[in-house]
PDB file of all heavy atoms in Angstrom:
ATOM      1  N   ARG A   1      19.988  17.134  23.673  1.00  0.00           N
ATOM      2  CA  ARG A   1      18.703  16.704  24.222  1.00  0.00           C
ATOM      3  C   ARG A   1      17.703  17.868  24.280  1.00  0.00           C
ATOM      4  O   ARG A   1      16.542  17.729  23.933  1.00  0.00           O
ATOM      5  CB  ARG A   1      18.896  16.111  25.615  1.00  0.00           C
ATOM      6  CG  ARG A   1      17.610  15.559  26.192  1.00  0.00           C
ATOM      7  CD  ARG A   1      17.843  14.890  27.502  1.00  0.00           C
ATOM      8  NE  ARG A   1      18.660  13.711  27.287  1.00  0.00           N
ATOM      9  CZ  ARG A   1      19.094  12.905  28.236  1.00  0.00           C
ATOM     10  NH1 ARG A   1      18.796  13.160  29.478  1.00  0.00           N
ATOM     11  NH2 ARG A   1      19.826  11.864  27.963  1.00  0.00           N
ATOM     12  N   VAL A   2      18.155  19.052  24.712  1.00  0.00           N
ATOM     13  CA  VAL A   2      17.290  20.227  24.784  1.00  0.00           C
ATOM     14  C   VAL A   2      16.832  20.626  23.383  1.00  0.00           C
ATOM     15  O   VAL A   2      15.666  20.940  23.158  1.00  0.00           O
ATOM     16  CB  VAL A   2      18.008  21.397  25.492  1.00  0.00           C
ATOM     17  CG1 VAL A   2      17.198  22.677  25.405  1.00  0.00           C
ATOM     18  CG2 VAL A   2      18.290  21.041  26.943  1.00  0.00           C
ATOM     19  N   ALA A   3      17.753  20.600  22.433  1.00  0.00           N
ATOM     20  CA  ALA A   3      17.410  20.962  21.055  1.00  0.00           C
ATOM     21  C   ALA A   3      16.382  19.984  20.478  1.00  0.00           C
ATOM     22  O   ALA A   3      15.420  20.396  19.825  1.00  0.00           O
ATOM     23  CB  ALA A   3      18.660  20.992  20.192  1.00  0.00           C
ATOM     24  N   LEU A   4      16.556  18.687  20.703  1.00  0.00           N
ATOM     25  CA  LEU A   4      15.618  17.689  20.188  1.00  0.00           C
ATOM     26  C   LEU A   4      14.247  17.814  20.852  1.00  0.00           C
ATOM     27  O   LEU A   4      13.222  17.696  20.181  1.00  0.00           O
ATOM     28  CB  LEU A   4      16.176  16.277  20.377  1.00  0.00           C
ATOM     29  CG  LEU A   4      17.343  15.918  19.461  1.00  0.00           C
ATOM     30  CD1 LEU A   4      17.904  14.552  19.831  1.00  0.00           C
ATOM     31  CD2 LEU A   4      16.924  15.952  18.014  1.00  0.00           C
ATOM     32  N   ARG A   5      14.209  18.073  22.147  1.00  0.00           N
ATOM     33  CA  ARG A   5      12.928  18.257  22.836  1.00  0.00           C
ATOM     34  C   ARG A   5      12.194  19.486  22.295  1.00  0.00           C
ATOM     35  O   ARG A   5      10.988  19.462  22.093  1.00  0.00           O
ATOM     36  CB  ARG A   5      13.136  18.408  24.335  1.00  0.00           C
ATOM     37  CG  ARG A   5      13.400  17.116  25.033  1.00  0.00           C
ATOM     38  CD  ARG A   5      13.511  17.329  26.520  1.00  0.00           C
ATOM     39  NE  ARG A   5      13.878  16.087  27.178  1.00  0.00           N
ATOM     40  CZ  ARG A   5      14.326  16.004  28.397  1.00  0.00           C
ATOM     41  NH1 ARG A   5      14.460  17.102  29.130  1.00  0.00           N
ATOM     42  NH2 ARG A   5      14.635  14.855  28.931  1.00  0.00           N
ATOM     43  N   SER A   6      12.943  20.557  22.064  1.00  0.00           N
ATOM     44  CA  SER A   6      12.330  21.769  21.532  1.00  0.00           C
ATOM     45  C   SER A   6      11.778  21.530  20.131  1.00  0.00           C
ATOM     46  O   SER A   6      10.670  21.960  19.803  1.00  0.00           O
ATOM     47  CB  SER A   6      13.347  22.912  21.490  1.00  0.00           C
ATOM     48  OG  SER A   6      13.793  23.210  22.792  1.00  0.00           O
ATOM     49  N   LEU A   7      12.518  20.841  19.301  1.00  0.00           N
ATOM     50  CA  LEU A   7      12.060  20.530  17.948  1.00  0.00           C
ATOM     51  C   LEU A   7      10.821  19.648  17.986  1.00  0.00           C
ATOM     52  O   LEU A   7       9.864  19.874  17.243  1.00  0.00           O
ATOM     53  CB  LEU A   7      13.181  19.850  17.162  1.00  0.00           C
ATOM     54  CG  LEU A   7      12.891  19.545  15.702  1.00  0.00           C
ATOM     55  CD1 LEU A   7      12.607  20.829  14.944  1.00  0.00           C
ATOM     56  CD2 LEU A   7      14.062  18.808  15.088  1.00  0.00           C
ATOM     57  N   PHE A   8      10.811  18.657  18.855  1.00  0.00           N
ATOM     58  CA  PHE A   8       9.652  17.772  18.998  1.00  0.00           C
ATOM     59  C   PHE A   8       8.429  18.564  19.461  1.00  0.00           C
ATOM     60  O   PHE A   8       7.339  18.403  18.929  1.00  0.00           O
ATOM     61  CB  PHE A   8       9.955  16.642  19.980  1.00  0.00           C
ATOM     62  CG  PHE A   8       8.787  15.742  20.230  1.00  0.00           C
ATOM     63  CD1 PHE A   8       8.383  14.824  19.279  1.00  0.00           C
ATOM     64  CD2 PHE A   8       8.066  15.812  21.412  1.00  0.00           C
ATOM     65  CE1 PHE A   8       7.300  13.997  19.486  1.00  0.00           C
ATOM     66  CE2 PHE A   8       6.978  15.000  21.639  1.00  0.00           C
ATOM     67  CZ  PHE A   8       6.595  14.084  20.681  1.00  0.00           C
ATOM     68  N   ALA A   9       8.607  19.448  20.446  1.00  0.00           N
ATOM     69  CA  ALA A   9       7.486  20.247  20.956  1.00  0.00           C
ATOM     70  C   ALA A   9       6.919  21.147  19.862  1.00  0.00           C
ATOM     71  O   ALA A   9       5.703  21.284  19.733  1.00  0.00           O
ATOM     72  CB  ALA A   9       7.935  21.085  22.153  1.00  0.00           C
ATOM     73  N   LEU A  10       7.778  21.736  19.055  1.00  0.00           N
ATOM     74  CA  LEU A  10       7.309  22.570  17.949  1.00  0.00           C
ATOM     75  C   LEU A  10       6.529  21.752  16.925  1.00  0.00           C
ATOM     76  O   LEU A  10       5.499  22.187  16.425  1.00  0.00           O
ATOM     77  CB  LEU A  10       8.494  23.261  17.271  1.00  0.00           C
ATOM     78  CG  LEU A  10       9.078  24.450  18.013  1.00  0.00           C
ATOM     79  CD1 LEU A  10      10.372  24.900  17.357  1.00  0.00           C
ATOM     80  CD2 LEU A  10       8.090  25.585  18.056  1.00  0.00           C
ATOM     81  N   ALA A  11       7.006  20.554  16.614  1.00  0.00           N
ATOM     82  CA  ALA A  11       6.318  19.697  15.641  1.00  0.00           C
ATOM     83  C   ALA A  11       4.944  19.280  16.157  1.00  0.00           C
ATOM     84  O   ALA A  11       3.954  19.317  15.417  1.00  0.00           O
ATOM     85  CB  ALA A  11       7.170  18.472  15.335  1.00  0.00           C
ATOM     86  N   VAL A  12       4.862  18.897  17.422  1.00  0.00           N
ATOM     87  CA  VAL A  12       3.573  18.494  18.005  1.00  0.00           C
ATOM     88  C   VAL A  12       2.608  19.669  18.020  1.00  0.00           C
ATOM     89  O   VAL A  12       1.436  19.531  17.662  1.00  0.00           O
ATOM     90  CB  VAL A  12       3.778  17.931  19.433  1.00  0.00           C
ATOM     91  CG1 VAL A  12       2.460  17.779  20.160  1.00  0.00           C
ATOM     92  CG2 VAL A  12       4.500  16.588  19.360  1.00  0.00           C
ATOM     93  N   THR A  13       3.094  20.842  18.393  1.00  0.00           N
ATOM     94  CA  THR A  13       2.246  22.037  18.416  1.00  0.00           C
ATOM     95  C   THR A  13       1.727  22.369  17.026  1.00  0.00           C
ATOM     96  O   THR A  13       0.543  22.652  16.849  1.00  0.00           O
ATOM     97  CB  THR A  13       3.023  23.232  18.997  1.00  0.00           C
ATOM     98  OG1 THR A  13       3.497  22.877  20.301  1.00  0.00           O
ATOM     99  CG2 THR A  13       2.162  24.469  19.077  1.00  0.00           C
ATOM    100  N   ALA A  14       2.588  22.311  16.035  1.00  0.00           N
ATOM    101  CA  ALA A  14       2.172  22.628  14.664  1.00  0.00           C
ATOM    102  C   ALA A  14       1.141  21.626  14.161  1.00  0.00           C
ATOM    103  O   ALA A  14       0.133  22.005  13.556  1.00  0.00           O
ATOM    104  CB  ALA A  14       3.388  22.644  13.744  1.00  0.00           C
ATOM    105  N   PHE A  15       1.367  20.335  14.406  1.00  0.00           N
ATOM    106  CA  PHE A  15       0.427  19.312  13.941  1.00  0.00           C
ATOM    107  C   PHE A  15      -0.922  19.457  14.646  1.00  0.00           C
ATOM    108  O   PHE A  15      -1.959  19.415  14.014  1.00  0.00           O
ATOM    109  CB  PHE A  15       0.981  17.909  14.184  1.00  0.00           C
ATOM    110  CG  PHE A  15       0.007  16.838  13.810  1.00  0.00           C
ATOM    111  CD1 PHE A  15      -0.195  16.504  12.483  1.00  0.00           C
ATOM    112  CD2 PHE A  15      -0.733  16.183  14.778  1.00  0.00           C
ATOM    113  CE1 PHE A  15      -1.106  15.523  12.124  1.00  0.00           C
ATOM    114  CE2 PHE A  15      -1.644  15.214  14.438  1.00  0.00           C
ATOM    115  CZ  PHE A  15      -1.831  14.877  13.105  1.00  0.00           C
ATOM    116  N   THR A  16      -0.902  19.643  15.959  1.00  0.00           N
ATOM    117  CA  THR A  16      -2.147  19.769  16.724  1.00  0.00           C
ATOM    118  C   THR A  16      -2.919  21.003  16.285  1.00  0.00           C
ATOM    119  O   THR A  16      -4.132  20.950  16.095  1.00  0.00           O
ATOM    120  CB  THR A  16      -1.854  19.832  18.231  1.00  0.00           C
ATOM    121  OG1 THR A  16      -1.124  18.666  18.601  1.00  0.00           O
ATOM    122  CG2 THR A  16      -3.128  19.909  19.041  1.00  0.00           C
ATOM    123  N   GLY A  17      -2.230  22.114  16.102  1.00  0.00           N
ATOM    124  CA  GLY A  17      -2.899  23.333  15.650  1.00  0.00           C
ATOM    125  C   GLY A  17      -3.550  23.149  14.295  1.00  0.00           C
ATOM    126  O   GLY A  17      -4.675  23.591  14.058  1.00  0.00           O
ATOM    127  N   GLY A  18      -2.859  22.482  13.388  1.00  0.00           N
ATOM    128  CA  GLY A  18      -3.419  22.237  12.062  1.00  0.00           C
ATOM    129  C   GLY A  18      -4.635  21.330  12.117  1.00  0.00           C
ATOM    130  O   GLY A  18      -5.647  21.588  11.456  1.00  0.00           O
ATOM    131  N   ALA A  19      -4.551  20.284  12.917  1.00  0.00           N
ATOM    132  CA  ALA A  19      -5.681  19.352  13.028  1.00  0.00           C
ATOM    133  C   ALA A  19      -6.885  20.025  13.677  1.00  0.00           C
ATOM    134  O   ALA A  19      -8.020  19.872  13.212  1.00  0.00           O
ATOM    135  CB  ALA A  19      -5.270  18.123  13.835  1.00  0.00           C
ATOM    136  N   LEU A  20      -6.673  20.780  14.750  1.00  0.00           N
ATOM    137  CA  LEU A  20      -7.786  21.452  15.413  1.00  0.00           C
ATOM    138  C   LEU A  20      -8.358  22.564  14.534  1.00  0.00           C
ATOM    139  O   LEU A  20      -9.558  22.831  14.573  1.00  0.00           O
ATOM    140  CB  LEU A  20      -7.345  22.009  16.765  1.00  0.00           C
ATOM    141  CG  LEU A  20      -7.004  20.955  17.821  1.00  0.00           C
ATOM    142  CD1 LEU A  20      -6.530  21.624  19.099  1.00  0.00           C
ATOM    143  CD2 LEU A  20      -8.171  20.050  18.085  1.00  0.00           C
ATOM    144  N   GLY A  21      -7.515  23.194  13.723  1.00  0.00           N
ATOM    145  CA  GLY A  21      -7.995  24.202  12.795  1.00  0.00           C
ATOM    146  C   GLY A  21      -8.944  23.607  11.770  1.00  0.00           C
ATOM    147  O   GLY A  21      -9.963  24.203  11.417  1.00  0.00           O
ATOM    148  N   ARG A  22      -8.633  22.393  11.301  1.00  0.00           N
ATOM    149  CA  ARG A  22      -9.525  21.721  10.349  1.00  0.00           C
ATOM    150  C   ARG A  22     -10.853  21.382  11.008  1.00  0.00           C
ATOM    151  O   ARG A  22     -11.902  21.488  10.396  1.00  0.00           O
ATOM    152  CB  ARG A  22      -8.880  20.449   9.812  1.00  0.00           C
ATOM    153  CG  ARG A  22      -7.778  20.704   8.823  1.00  0.00           C
ATOM    154  CD  ARG A  22      -7.190  19.397   8.360  1.00  0.00           C
ATOM    155  NE  ARG A  22      -8.222  18.536   7.807  1.00  0.00           N
ATOM    156  CZ  ARG A  22      -8.210  18.038   6.592  1.00  0.00           C
ATOM    157  NH1 ARG A  22      -7.220  18.337   5.800  1.00  0.00           N
ATOM    158  NH2 ARG A  22      -9.169  17.243   6.178  1.00  0.00           N
ATOM    159  N   ILE A  23     -10.814  20.978  12.265  1.00  0.00           N
ATOM    160  CA  ILE A  23     -12.053  20.654  12.973  1.00  0.00           C
ATOM    161  C   ILE A  23     -12.885  21.919  13.178  1.00  0.00           C
ATOM    162  O   ILE A  23     -14.089  21.920  12.966  1.00  0.00           O
ATOM    163  CB  ILE A  23     -11.738  19.983  14.331  1.00  0.00           C
ATOM    164  CG1 ILE A  23     -11.160  18.589  14.097  1.00  0.00           C
ATOM    165  CG2 ILE A  23     -12.984  19.903  15.199  1.00  0.00           C
ATOM    166  CD1 ILE A  23     -10.622  17.932  15.344  1.00  0.00           C
ATOM    167  N   ALA A  24     -12.234  22.999  13.567  1.00  0.00           N
ATOM    168  CA  ALA A  24     -12.961  24.243  13.850  1.00  0.00           C
ATOM    169  C   ALA A  24     -13.598  24.843  12.605  1.00  0.00           C
ATOM    170  O   ALA A  24     -14.635  25.496  12.683  1.00  0.00           O
ATOM    171  CB  ALA A  24     -12.024  25.257  14.495  1.00  0.00           C
ATOM    172  N   THR A  25     -12.985  24.654  11.443  1.00  0.00           N
ATOM    173  CA  THR A  25     -13.518  25.239  10.221  1.00  0.00           C
ATOM    174  C   THR A  25     -14.431  24.297   9.457  1.00  0.00           C
ATOM    175  O   THR A  25     -14.932  24.652   8.408  1.00  0.00           O
ATOM    176  CB  THR A  25     -12.375  25.689   9.285  1.00  0.00           C
ATOM    177  OG1 THR A  25     -11.571  24.553   8.956  1.00  0.00           O
ATOM    178  CG2 THR A  25     -11.529  26.767   9.948  1.00  0.00           C
ATOM    179  N   ARG A  26     -14.666  23.118   9.984  1.00  0.00           N
ATOM    180  CA  ARG A  26     -15.541  22.165   9.313  1.00  0.00           C
ATOM    181  C   ARG A  26     -16.982  22.671   9.369  1.00  0.00           C
ATOM    182  O   ARG A  26     -17.434  23.148  10.401  1.00  0.00           O
ATOM    183  CB  ARG A  26     -15.444  20.810  10.013  1.00  0.00           C
ATOM    184  CG  ARG A  26     -16.229  19.729   9.303  1.00  0.00           C
ATOM    185  CD  ARG A  26     -15.880  18.378   9.914  1.00  0.00           C
ATOM    186  NE  ARG A  26     -16.638  17.343   9.297  1.00  0.00           N
ATOM    187  CZ  ARG A  26     -16.283  16.716   8.181  1.00  0.00           C
ATOM    188  NH1 ARG A  26     -15.178  17.065   7.583  1.00  0.00           N
ATOM    189  NH2 ARG A  26     -17.018  15.757   7.679  1.00  0.00           N
ATOM    190  N   PRO A  27     -17.733  22.559   8.266  1.00  0.00           N
ATOM    191  CA  PRO A  27     -19.120  23.035   8.288  1.00  0.00           C
ATOM    192  C   PRO A  27     -19.963  22.213   9.247  1.00  0.00           C
ATOM    193  O   PRO A  27     -19.666  21.042   9.493  1.00  0.00           O
ATOM    194  CB  PRO A  27     -19.598  22.853   6.845  1.00  0.00           C
ATOM    195  CG  PRO A  27     -18.621  21.946   6.202  1.00  0.00           C
ATOM    196  CD  PRO A  27     -17.348  22.018   6.978  1.00  0.00           C
ATOM    197  N   PRO A  28     -21.021  22.807   9.814  1.00  0.00           N
ATOM    198  CA  PRO A  28     -21.893  22.069  10.720  1.00  0.00           C
ATOM    199  C   PRO A  28     -22.451  20.823  10.041  1.00  0.00           C
ATOM    200  O   PRO A  28     -22.671  20.808   8.838  1.00  0.00           O
ATOM    201  CB  PRO A  28     -23.011  23.058  11.051  1.00  0.00           C
ATOM    202  CG  PRO A  28     -22.453  24.400  10.734  1.00  0.00           C
ATOM    203  CD  PRO A  28     -21.444  24.194   9.642  1.00  0.00           C
ATOM    204  N   SER A  29     -22.694  19.796  10.843  1.00  0.00           N
ATOM    205  CA  SER A  29     -23.143  18.533  10.270  1.00  0.00           C
ATOM    206  C   SER A  29     -24.529  18.632   9.666  1.00  0.00           C
ATOM    207  O   SER A  29     -24.937  17.762   8.924  1.00  0.00           O
ATOM    208  CB  SER A  29     -23.111  17.435  11.327  1.00  0.00           C
ATOM    209  OG  SER A  29     -24.001  17.756  12.365  1.00  0.00           O
ATOM    210  N   GLY A  30     -25.273  19.693   9.956  1.00  0.00           N
ATOM    211  CA  GLY A  30     -26.583  19.872   9.354  1.00  0.00           C
ATOM    212  C   GLY A  30     -26.500  20.058   7.846  1.00  0.00           C
ATOM    213  O   GLY A  30     -27.481  19.930   7.138  1.00  0.00           O
ATOM    214  N   GLU A  31     -25.302  20.354   7.348  1.00  0.00           N
ATOM    215  CA  GLU A  31     -25.117  20.522   5.917  1.00  0.00           C
ATOM    216  C   GLU A  31     -24.846  19.200   5.227  1.00  0.00           C
ATOM    217  O   GLU A  31     -24.531  19.153   4.050  1.00  0.00           O
ATOM    218  CB  GLU A  31     -23.980  21.509   5.653  1.00  0.00           C
ATOM    219  CG  GLU A  31     -24.309  22.893   6.159  1.00  0.00           C
ATOM    220  CD  GLU A  31     -23.170  23.863   5.980  1.00  0.00           C
ATOM    221  OE1 GLU A  31     -22.242  23.565   5.202  1.00  0.00           O
ATOM    222  OE2 GLU A  31     -23.203  24.912   6.618  1.00  0.00           O
ATOM    223  N   GLY A  32     -24.924  18.113   5.948  1.00  0.00           N
ATOM    224  CA  GLY A  32     -24.795  16.793   5.342  1.00  0.00           C
ATOM    225  C   GLY A  32     -23.476  16.134   5.657  1.00  0.00           C
ATOM    226  O   GLY A  32     -22.438  16.770   5.620  1.00  0.00           O
ATOM    227  N   PRO A  33     -23.503  14.831   5.947  1.00  0.00           N
ATOM    228  CA  PRO A  33     -22.284  14.105   6.275  1.00  0.00           C
ATOM    229  C   PRO A  33     -21.588  13.573   5.028  1.00  0.00           C
ATOM    230  O   PRO A  33     -21.443  12.372   4.843  1.00  0.00           O
ATOM    231  CB  PRO A  33     -22.794  12.967   7.154  1.00  0.00           C
ATOM    232  CG  PRO A  33     -24.164  12.692   6.623  1.00  0.00           C
ATOM    233  CD  PRO A  33     -24.691  14.024   6.162  1.00  0.00           C
ATOM    234  N   ALA A  34     -21.203  14.455   4.134  1.00  0.00           N
ATOM    235  CA  ALA A  34     -20.563  14.009   2.900  1.00  0.00           C
ATOM    236  C   ALA A  34     -19.094  14.402   2.890  1.00  0.00           C
ATOM    237  O   ALA A  34     -18.711  15.430   3.422  1.00  0.00           O
ATOM    238  CB  ALA A  34     -21.268  14.610   1.698  1.00  0.00           C
ATOM    239  N   LEU A  35     -18.287  13.572   2.279  1.00  0.00           N
ATOM    240  CA  LEU A  35     -16.890  13.890   2.058  1.00  0.00           C
ATOM    241  C   LEU A  35     -16.783  14.774   0.828  1.00  0.00           C
ATOM    242  O   LEU A  35     -17.736  14.931   0.063  1.00  0.00           O
ATOM    243  CB  LEU A  35     -16.092  12.594   1.831  1.00  0.00           C
ATOM    244  CG  LEU A  35     -16.027  11.642   3.017  1.00  0.00           C
ATOM    245  CD1 LEU A  35     -15.416  10.325   2.590  1.00  0.00           C
ATOM    246  CD2 LEU A  35     -15.205  12.252   4.126  1.00  0.00           C
ATOM    247  N   SER A  36     -15.621  15.343   0.601  1.00  0.00           N
ATOM    248  CA  SER A  36     -15.447  16.203  -0.567  1.00  0.00           C
ATOM    249  C   SER A  36     -15.643  15.437  -1.867  1.00  0.00           C
ATOM    250  O   SER A  36     -15.896  16.021  -2.904  1.00  0.00           O
ATOM    251  CB  SER A  36     -14.060  16.847  -0.528  1.00  0.00           C
ATOM    252  OG  SER A  36     -13.061  15.853  -0.535  1.00  0.00           O
ATOM    253  N   THR A  37     -15.536  14.124  -1.820  1.00  0.00           N
ATOM    254  CA  THR A  37     -15.725  13.313  -3.021  1.00  0.00           C
ATOM    255  C   THR A  37     -17.197  13.060  -3.289  1.00  0.00           C
ATOM    256  O   THR A  37     -17.533  12.464  -4.301  1.00  0.00           O
ATOM    257  CB  THR A  37     -15.021  11.957  -2.862  1.00  0.00           C
ATOM    258  OG1 THR A  37     -15.580  11.289  -1.723  1.00  0.00           O
ATOM    259  CG2 THR A  37     -13.536  12.128  -2.667  1.00  0.00           C
ATOM    260  N   GLY A  38     -18.083  13.487  -2.388  1.00  0.00           N
ATOM    261  CA  GLY A  38     -19.510  13.282  -2.574  1.00  0.00           C
ATOM    262  C   GLY A  38     -20.023  11.995  -1.936  1.00  0.00           C
ATOM    263  O   GLY A  38     -21.215  11.764  -1.870  1.00  0.00           O
ATOM    264  N   ARG A  39     -19.115  11.138  -1.457  1.00  0.00           N
ATOM    265  CA  ARG A  39     -19.535   9.908  -0.791  1.00  0.00           C
ATOM    266  C   ARG A  39     -19.976  10.213   0.635  1.00  0.00           C
ATOM    267  O   ARG A  39     -19.561  11.198   1.216  1.00  0.00           O
ATOM    268  CB  ARG A  39     -18.388   8.900  -0.734  1.00  0.00           C
ATOM    269  CG  ARG A  39     -17.974   8.392  -2.095  1.00  0.00           C
ATOM    270  CD  ARG A  39     -16.797   7.446  -1.981  1.00  0.00           C
ATOM    271  NE  ARG A  39     -15.640   8.226  -1.539  1.00  0.00           N
ATOM    272  CZ  ARG A  39     -14.725   7.803  -0.688  1.00  0.00           C
ATOM    273  NH1 ARG A  39     -14.804   6.609  -0.154  1.00  0.00           N
ATOM    274  NH2 ARG A  39     -13.722   8.562  -0.343  1.00  0.00           N
TER     275      ARG A  39
END
């Protein structure tokens, strides 16, 4: 149980860090609300 909780906590931390990193590095919206595909 301790091992599974630790693994789960590490996975959640890694996913959250990655998602927040993408938000933090996103260009300001003044540069246009376009996706990388141009849409």
